[in-house]
């Protein structure tokens, strides 16, 4: 397997980054930074969703119980 930093796969074709134009190399760098930020956001979202679930559960426990109707 090729080093992930030295190659990039676009539409199923693997390219050696060193062989790309300077502009293409910059776009690869931009994609990698963007992908890393997206992963960070996904992790943050998972944390927030977990916290929200816990807050909702705690709130539910604090609400008055409904009386059963017959």
PDB file of N, CA and C in Angstrom:
ATOM      1  N   UNK A   1       0.844  -1.191   0.000  1.00  0.00           N
ATOM      2  CA  UNK A   1       0.000   0.000   0.000  1.00  0.00           C
ATOM      3  C   UNK A   1       0.881   1.243   0.000  1.00  0.00           C
ATOM      4  N   UNK A   2       0.576   2.171  -0.854  1.00  0.00           N
ATOM      5  CA  UNK A   2       1.367   3.397  -0.968  1.00  0.00           C
ATOM      6  C   UNK A   2       1.126   4.296   0.238  1.00  0.00           C
ATOM      7  N   UNK A   3       2.114   5.114   0.513  1.00  0.00           N
ATOM      8  CA  UNK A   3       1.982   6.070   1.612  1.00  0.00           C
ATOM      9  C   UNK A   3       0.828   7.014   1.313  1.00  0.00           C
ATOM     10  N   UNK A   4      -0.072   7.158   2.279  1.00  0.00           N
ATOM     11  CA  UNK A   4      -1.275   7.970   2.115  1.00  0.00           C
ATOM     12  C   UNK A   4      -0.935   9.426   1.784  1.00  0.00           C
ATOM     13  N   UNK A   5       0.171   9.937   2.278  1.00  0.00           N
ATOM     14  CA  UNK A   5       0.546  11.336   2.044  1.00  0.00           C
ATOM     15  C   UNK A   5       1.103  11.537   0.633  1.00  0.00           C
ATOM     16  N   UNK A   6       1.643  10.465   0.030  1.00  0.00           N
ATOM     17  CA  UNK A   6       2.283  10.600  -1.272  1.00  0.00           C
ATOM     18  C   UNK A   6       1.347  10.353  -2.437  1.00  0.00           C
ATOM     19  N   UNK A   7       0.189   9.756  -2.165  1.00  0.00           N
ATOM     20  CA  UNK A   7      -0.759   9.483  -3.239  1.00  0.00           C
ATOM     21  C   UNK A   7      -2.145   9.958  -2.839  1.00  0.00           C
ATOM     22  N   UNK A   8      -2.963  10.138  -3.859  1.00  0.00           N
ATOM     23  CA  UNK A   8      -4.367  10.475  -3.637  1.00  0.00           C
ATOM     24  C   UNK A   8      -5.176   9.728  -4.695  1.00  0.00           C
ATOM     25  N   UNK A   9      -6.331   9.244  -4.288  1.00  0.00           N
ATOM     26  CA  UNK A   9      -7.199   8.539  -5.214  1.00  0.00           C
ATOM     27  C   UNK A   9      -8.406   9.419  -5.520  1.00  0.00           C
ATOM     28  N   UNK A  10      -8.597   9.701  -6.797  1.00  0.00           N
ATOM     29  CA  UNK A  10      -9.704  10.517  -7.266  1.00  0.00           C
ATOM     30  C   UNK A  10     -10.465   9.700  -8.308  1.00  0.00           C
ATOM     31  N   UNK A  11     -11.759   9.523  -8.069  1.00  0.00           N
ATOM     32  CA  UNK A  11     -12.611   8.773  -8.999  1.00  0.00           C
ATOM     33  C   UNK A  11     -12.021   7.408  -9.336  1.00  0.00           C
ATOM     34  N   UNK A  12     -11.448   6.749  -8.326  1.00  0.00           N
ATOM     35  CA  UNK A  12     -10.924   5.399  -8.509  1.00  0.00           C
ATOM     36  C   UNK A  12      -9.529   5.324  -9.101  1.00  0.00           C
ATOM     37  N   UNK A  13      -8.932   6.453  -9.419  1.00  0.00           N
ATOM     38  CA  UNK A  13      -7.583   6.466  -9.980  1.00  0.00           C
ATOM     39  C   UNK A  13      -6.615   7.031  -8.947  1.00  0.00           C
ATOM     40  N   UNK A  14      -5.520   6.313  -8.730  1.00  0.00           N
ATOM     41  CA  UNK A  14      -4.519   6.768  -7.765  1.00  0.00           C
ATOM     42  C   UNK A  14      -3.480   7.629  -8.478  1.00  0.00           C
ATOM     43  N   UNK A  15      -3.164   8.759  -7.861  1.00  0.00           N
ATOM     44  CA  UNK A  15      -2.182   9.686  -8.411  1.00  0.00           C
ATOM     45  C   UNK A  15      -1.058   9.890  -7.410  1.00  0.00           C
ATOM     46  N   UNK A  16       0.158   9.986  -7.931  1.00  0.00           N
ATOM     47  CA  UNK A  16       1.306  10.342  -7.113  1.00  0.00           C
ATOM     48  C   UNK A  16       1.293  11.855  -6.982  1.00  0.00           C
ATOM     49  N   UNK A  17       1.172  12.348  -5.761  1.00  0.00           N
ATOM     50  CA  UNK A  17       1.055  13.794  -5.537  1.00  0.00           C
ATOM     51  C   UNK A  17       2.273  14.529  -6.077  1.00  0.00           C
ATOM     52  N   UNK A  18       3.446  13.937  -5.974  1.00  0.00           N
ATOM     53  CA  UNK A  18       4.665  14.590  -6.449  1.00  0.00           C
ATOM     54  C   UNK A  18       4.620  14.874  -7.945  1.00  0.00           C
ATOM     55  N   UNK A  19       3.819  14.109  -8.681  1.00  0.00           N
ATOM     56  CA  UNK A  19       3.731  14.289 -10.129  1.00  0.00           C
ATOM     57  C   UNK A  19       2.705  15.336 -10.543  1.00  0.00           C
ATOM     58  N   UNK A  20       1.963  15.867  -9.605  1.00  0.00           N
ATOM     59  CA  UNK A  20       0.906  16.823  -9.925  1.00  0.00           C
ATOM     60  C   UNK A  20       1.459  18.237 -10.053  1.00  0.00           C
ATOM     61  N   UNK A  21       0.688  19.102 -10.701  1.00  0.00           N
ATOM     62  CA  UNK A  21       1.080  20.513 -10.807  1.00  0.00           C
ATOM     63  C   UNK A  21       1.041  21.146  -9.420  1.00  0.00           C
ATOM     64  N   UNK A  22       1.674  22.282  -9.281  1.00  0.00           N
ATOM     65  CA  UNK A  22       1.671  22.982  -7.997  1.00  0.00           C
ATOM     66  C   UNK A  22       0.255  23.327  -7.559  1.00  0.00           C
ATOM     67  N   UNK A  23      -0.581  23.745  -8.507  1.00  0.00           N
ATOM     68  CA  UNK A  23      -1.959  24.075  -8.179  1.00  0.00           C
ATOM     69  C   UNK A  23      -2.708  22.825  -7.710  1.00  0.00           C
ATOM     70  N   UNK A  24      -2.503  21.711  -8.391  1.00  0.00           N
ATOM     71  CA  UNK A  24      -3.159  20.469  -7.989  1.00  0.00           C
ATOM     72  C   UNK A  24      -2.679  20.044  -6.602  1.00  0.00           C
ATOM     73  N   UNK A  25      -1.391  20.194  -6.329  1.00  0.00           N
ATOM     74  CA  UNK A  25      -0.853  19.869  -4.998  1.00  0.00           C
ATOM     75  C   UNK A  25      -1.527  20.721  -3.925  1.00  0.00           C
ATOM     76  N   UNK A  26      -1.748  22.003  -4.222  1.00  0.00           N
ATOM     77  CA  UNK A  26      -2.402  22.887  -3.265  1.00  0.00           C
ATOM     78  C   UNK A  26      -3.842  22.447  -3.031  1.00  0.00           C
ATOM     79  N   UNK A  27      -4.512  22.013  -4.090  1.00  0.00           N
ATOM     80  CA  UNK A  27      -5.884  21.535  -3.939  1.00  0.00           C
ATOM     81  C   UNK A  27      -5.931  20.245  -3.116  1.00  0.00           C
ATOM     82  N   UNK A  28      -4.935  19.382  -3.290  1.00  0.00           N
ATOM     83  CA  UNK A  28      -4.842  18.169  -2.470  1.00  0.00           C
ATOM     84  C   UNK A  28      -4.681  18.561  -1.003  1.00  0.00           C
ATOM     85  N   UNK A  29      -3.808  19.515  -0.736  1.00  0.00           N
ATOM     86  CA  UNK A  29      -3.610  19.990   0.635  1.00  0.00           C
ATOM     87  C   UNK A  29      -4.907  20.567   1.191  1.00  0.00           C
ATOM     88  N   UNK A  30      -5.611  21.347   0.385  1.00  0.00           N
ATOM     89  CA  UNK A  30      -6.887  21.920   0.818  1.00  0.00           C
ATOM     90  C   UNK A  30      -7.896  20.827   1.141  1.00  0.00           C
ATOM     91  N   UNK A  31      -7.966  19.806   0.286  1.00  0.00           N
ATOM     92  CA  UNK A  31      -8.875  18.689   0.537  1.00  0.00           C
ATOM     93  C   UNK A  31      -8.541  17.977   1.841  1.00  0.00           C
ATOM     94  N   UNK A  32      -7.266  17.756   2.075  1.00  0.00           N
ATOM     95  CA  UNK A  32      -6.854  17.050   3.288  1.00  0.00           C
ATOM     96  C   UNK A  32      -7.185  17.848   4.544  1.00  0.00           C
ATOM     97  N   UNK A  33      -6.955  19.150   4.493  1.00  0.00           N
ATOM     98  CA  UNK A  33      -7.295  20.007   5.637  1.00  0.00           C
ATOM     99  C   UNK A  33      -8.801  20.000   5.859  1.00  0.00           C
ATOM    100  N   UNK A  34      -9.544  20.120   4.767  1.00  0.00           N
ATOM    101  CA  UNK A  34     -11.002  20.120   4.866  1.00  0.00           C
ATOM    102  C   UNK A  34     -11.513  18.799   5.413  1.00  0.00           C
ATOM    103  N   UNK A  35     -10.981  17.687   4.932  1.00  0.00           N
ATOM    104  CA  UNK A  35     -11.393  16.374   5.438  1.00  0.00           C
ATOM    105  C   UNK A  35     -11.106  16.233   6.933  1.00  0.00           C
ATOM    106  N   UNK A  36      -9.959  16.749   7.374  1.00  0.00           N
ATOM    107  CA  UNK A  36      -9.617  16.687   8.801  1.00  0.00           C
ATOM    108  C   UNK A  36     -10.603  17.522   9.622  1.00  0.00           C
ATOM    109  N   UNK A  37     -10.977  18.680   9.123  1.00  0.00           N
ATOM    110  CA  UNK A  37     -11.935  19.528   9.834  1.00  0.00           C
ATOM    111  C   UNK A  37     -13.315  18.871   9.893  1.00  0.00           C
ATOM    112  N   UNK A  38     -13.708  18.223   8.807  1.00  0.00           N
ATOM    113  CA  UNK A  38     -14.991  17.515   8.790  1.00  0.00           C
ATOM    114  C   UNK A  38     -14.986  16.411   9.845  1.00  0.00           C
ATOM    115  N   UNK A  39     -13.888  15.681   9.962  1.00  0.00           N
ATOM    116  CA  UNK A  39     -13.795  14.625  10.971  1.00  0.00           C
ATOM    117  C   UNK A  39     -13.888  15.194  12.384  1.00  0.00           C
ATOM    118  N   UNK A  40     -13.242  16.342  12.614  1.00  0.00           N
ATOM    119  CA  UNK A  40     -13.341  17.003  13.921  1.00  0.00           C
ATOM    120  C   UNK A  40     -14.782  17.380  14.228  1.00  0.00           C
ATOM    121  N   UNK A  41     -15.459  17.931  13.235  1.00  0.00           N
ATOM    122  CA  UNK A  41     -16.857  18.327  13.421  1.00  0.00           C
ATOM    123  C   UNK A  41     -17.747  17.116  13.700  1.00  0.00           C
ATOM    124  N   UNK A  42     -17.483  16.010  13.030  1.00  0.00           N
ATOM    125  CA  UNK A  42     -18.250  14.785  13.281  1.00  0.00           C
ATOM    126  C   UNK A  42     -18.051  14.331  14.733  1.00  0.00           C
ATOM    127  N   UNK A  43     -16.822  14.412  15.219  1.00  0.00           N
ATOM    128  CA  UNK A  43     -16.545  14.031  16.603  1.00  0.00           C
ATOM    129  C   UNK A  43     -17.249  14.972  17.567  1.00  0.00           C
ATOM    130  N   UNK A  44     -17.209  16.265  17.282  1.00  0.00           N
ATOM    131  CA  UNK A  44     -17.887  17.230  18.145  1.00  0.00           C
ATOM    132  C   UNK A  44     -19.389  16.984  18.136  1.00  0.00           C
ATOM    133  N   UNK A  45     -19.949  16.708  16.978  1.00  0.00           N
ATOM    134  CA  UNK A  45     -21.378  16.445  16.882  1.00  0.00           C
ATOM    135  C   UNK A  45     -21.760  15.219  17.709  1.00  0.00           C
ATOM    136  N   UNK A  46     -20.947  14.186  17.659  1.00  0.00           N
ATOM    137  CA  UNK A  46     -21.220  12.991  18.456  1.00  0.00           C
ATOM    138  C   UNK A  46     -21.208  13.323  19.947  1.00  0.00           C
ATOM    139  N   UNK A  47     -20.282  14.154  20.373  1.00  0.00           N
ATOM    140  CA  UNK A  47     -20.217  14.574  21.773  1.00  0.00           C
ATOM    141  C   UNK A  47     -21.473  15.350  22.146  1.00  0.00           C
ATOM    142  N   UNK A  48     -21.863  16.292  21.299  1.00  0.00           N
ATOM    143  CA  UNK A  48     -23.051  17.103  21.578  1.00  0.00           C
ATOM    144  C   UNK A  48     -24.319  16.267  21.590  1.00  0.00           C
ATOM    145  N   UNK A  49     -24.411  15.303  20.681  1.00  0.00           N
ATOM    146  CA  UNK A  49     -25.602  14.442  20.651  1.00  0.00           C
ATOM    147  C   UNK A  49     -25.678  13.581  21.914  1.00  0.00           C
ATOM    148  N   UNK A  50     -24.528  13.102  22.376  1.00  0.00           N
ATOM    149  CA  UNK A  50     -24.497  12.319  23.613  1.00  0.00           C
ATOM    150  C   UNK A  50     -24.923  13.181  24.790  1.00  0.00           C
ATOM    151  N   UNK A  51     -24.416  14.405  24.857  1.00  0.00           N
ATOM    152  CA  UNK A  51     -24.786  15.316  25.938  1.00  0.00           C
ATOM    153  C   UNK A  51     -26.278  15.645  25.875  1.00  0.00           C
ATOM    154  N   UNK A  52     -26.797  15.884  24.686  1.00  0.00           N
ATOM    155  CA  UNK A  52     -28.208  16.207  24.549  1.00  0.00           C
ATOM    156  C   UNK A  52     -29.083  15.053  25.026  1.00  0.00           C
ATOM    157  N   UNK A  53     -28.699  13.851  24.673  1.00  0.00           N
ATOM    158  CA  UNK A  53     -29.451  12.674  25.123  1.00  0.00           C
ATOM    159  C   UNK A  53     -29.458  12.588  26.646  1.00  0.00           C
ATOM    160  N   UNK A  54     -28.309  12.844  27.249  1.00  0.00           N
ATOM    161  CA  UNK A  54     -28.226  12.801  28.710  1.00  0.00           C
ATOM    162  C   UNK A  54     -29.085  13.899  29.340  1.00  0.00           C
ATOM    163  N   UNK A  55     -29.054  15.101  28.780  1.00  0.00           N
ATOM    164  CA  UNK A  55     -29.876  16.190  29.308  1.00  0.00           C
ATOM    165  C   UNK A  55     -31.357  15.873  29.179  1.00  0.00           C
ATOM    166  N   UNK A  56     -31.760  15.325  28.040  1.00  0.00           N
ATOM    167  CA  UNK A  56     -33.164  14.978  27.825  1.00  0.00           C
ATOM    168  C   UNK A  56     -33.602  13.885  28.786  1.00  0.00           C
ATOM    169  N   UNK A  57     -32.737  12.910  29.031  1.00  0.00           N
ATOM    170  CA  UNK A  57     -33.061  11.838  29.976  1.00  0.00           C
ATOM    171  C   UNK A  57     -33.227  12.406  31.386  1.00  0.00           C
ATOM    172  N   UNK A  58     -32.326  13.287  31.783  1.00  0.00           N
ATOM    173  CA  UNK A  58     -32.407  13.901  33.101  1.00  0.00           C
ATOM    174  C   UNK A  58     -33.668  14.746  33.225  1.00  0.00           C
ATOM    175  N   UNK A  59     -33.997  15.513  32.199  1.00  0.00           N
ATOM    176  CA  UNK A  59     -35.218  16.307  32.212  1.00  0.00           C
ATOM    177  C   UNK A  59     -36.432  15.402  32.340  1.00  0.00           C
ATOM    178  N   UNK A  60     -36.465  14.328  31.597  1.00  0.00           N
ATOM    179  CA  UNK A  60     -37.592  13.403  31.653  1.00  0.00           C
ATOM    180  C   UNK A  60     -37.798  12.859  33.062  1.00  0.00           C
ATOM    181  N   UNK A  61     -36.700  12.596  33.739  1.00  0.00           N
ATOM    182  CA  UNK A  61     -36.786  12.094  35.114  1.00  0.00           C
ATOM    183  C   UNK A  61     -37.302  13.144  36.090  1.00  0.00           C
ATOM    184  N   UNK A  62     -37.131  14.415  35.753  1.00  0.00           N
ATOM    185  CA  UNK A  62     -37.550  15.511  36.614  1.00  0.00           C
ATOM    186  C   UNK A  62     -38.990  15.953  36.371  1.00  0.00           C
ATOM    187  N   UNK A  63     -39.590  15.546  35.275  1.00  0.00           N
ATOM    188  CA  UNK A  63     -40.962  15.961  34.974  1.00  0.00           C
ATOM    189  C   UNK A  63     -41.959  15.205  35.834  1.00  0.00           C
ATOM    190  N   UNK A  64     -43.077  15.856  36.150  1.00  0.00           N
ATOM    191  CA  UNK A  64     -44.119  15.165  36.920  1.00  0.00           C
ATOM    192  C   UNK A  64     -44.628  13.958  36.118  1.00  0.00           C
ATOM    193  N   UNK A  65     -44.923  12.888  36.826  1.00  0.00           N
ATOM    194  CA  UNK A  65     -45.437  11.684  36.181  1.00  0.00           C
ATOM    195  C   UNK A  65     -46.903  11.888  35.796  1.00  0.00           C
ATOM    196  N   UNK A  66     -47.272  11.428  34.627  1.00  0.00           N
ATOM    197  CA  UNK A  66     -48.671  11.494  34.192  1.00  0.00           C
ATOM    198  C   UNK A  66     -49.448  10.391  34.888  1.00  0.00           C
ATOM    199  N   UNK A  67     -50.648  10.716  35.263  1.00  0.00           N
ATOM    200  CA  UNK A  67     -51.501   9.705  35.881  1.00  0.00           C
ATOM    201  C   UNK A  67     -52.138   8.853  34.791  1.00  0.00           C
ATOM    202  N   UNK A  68     -52.202   7.580  35.036  1.00  0.00           N
ATOM    203  CA  UNK A  68     -52.826   6.674  34.066  1.00  0.00           C
ATOM    204  C   UNK A  68     -54.340   6.889  34.079  1.00  0.00           C
ATOM    205  N   UNK A  69     -54.932   6.968  32.904  1.00  0.00           N
ATOM    206  CA  UNK A  69     -56.389   7.123  32.812  1.00  0.00           C
ATOM    207  C   UNK A  69     -57.013   5.782  32.462  1.00  0.00           C
ATOM    208  N   UNK A  70     -58.179   5.524  33.025  1.00  0.00           N
ATOM    209  CA  UNK A  70     -58.857   4.249  32.778  1.00  0.00           C
ATOM    210  C   UNK A  70     -60.001   4.416  31.853  1.00  0.00           C
TER     211      UNK A  70
END
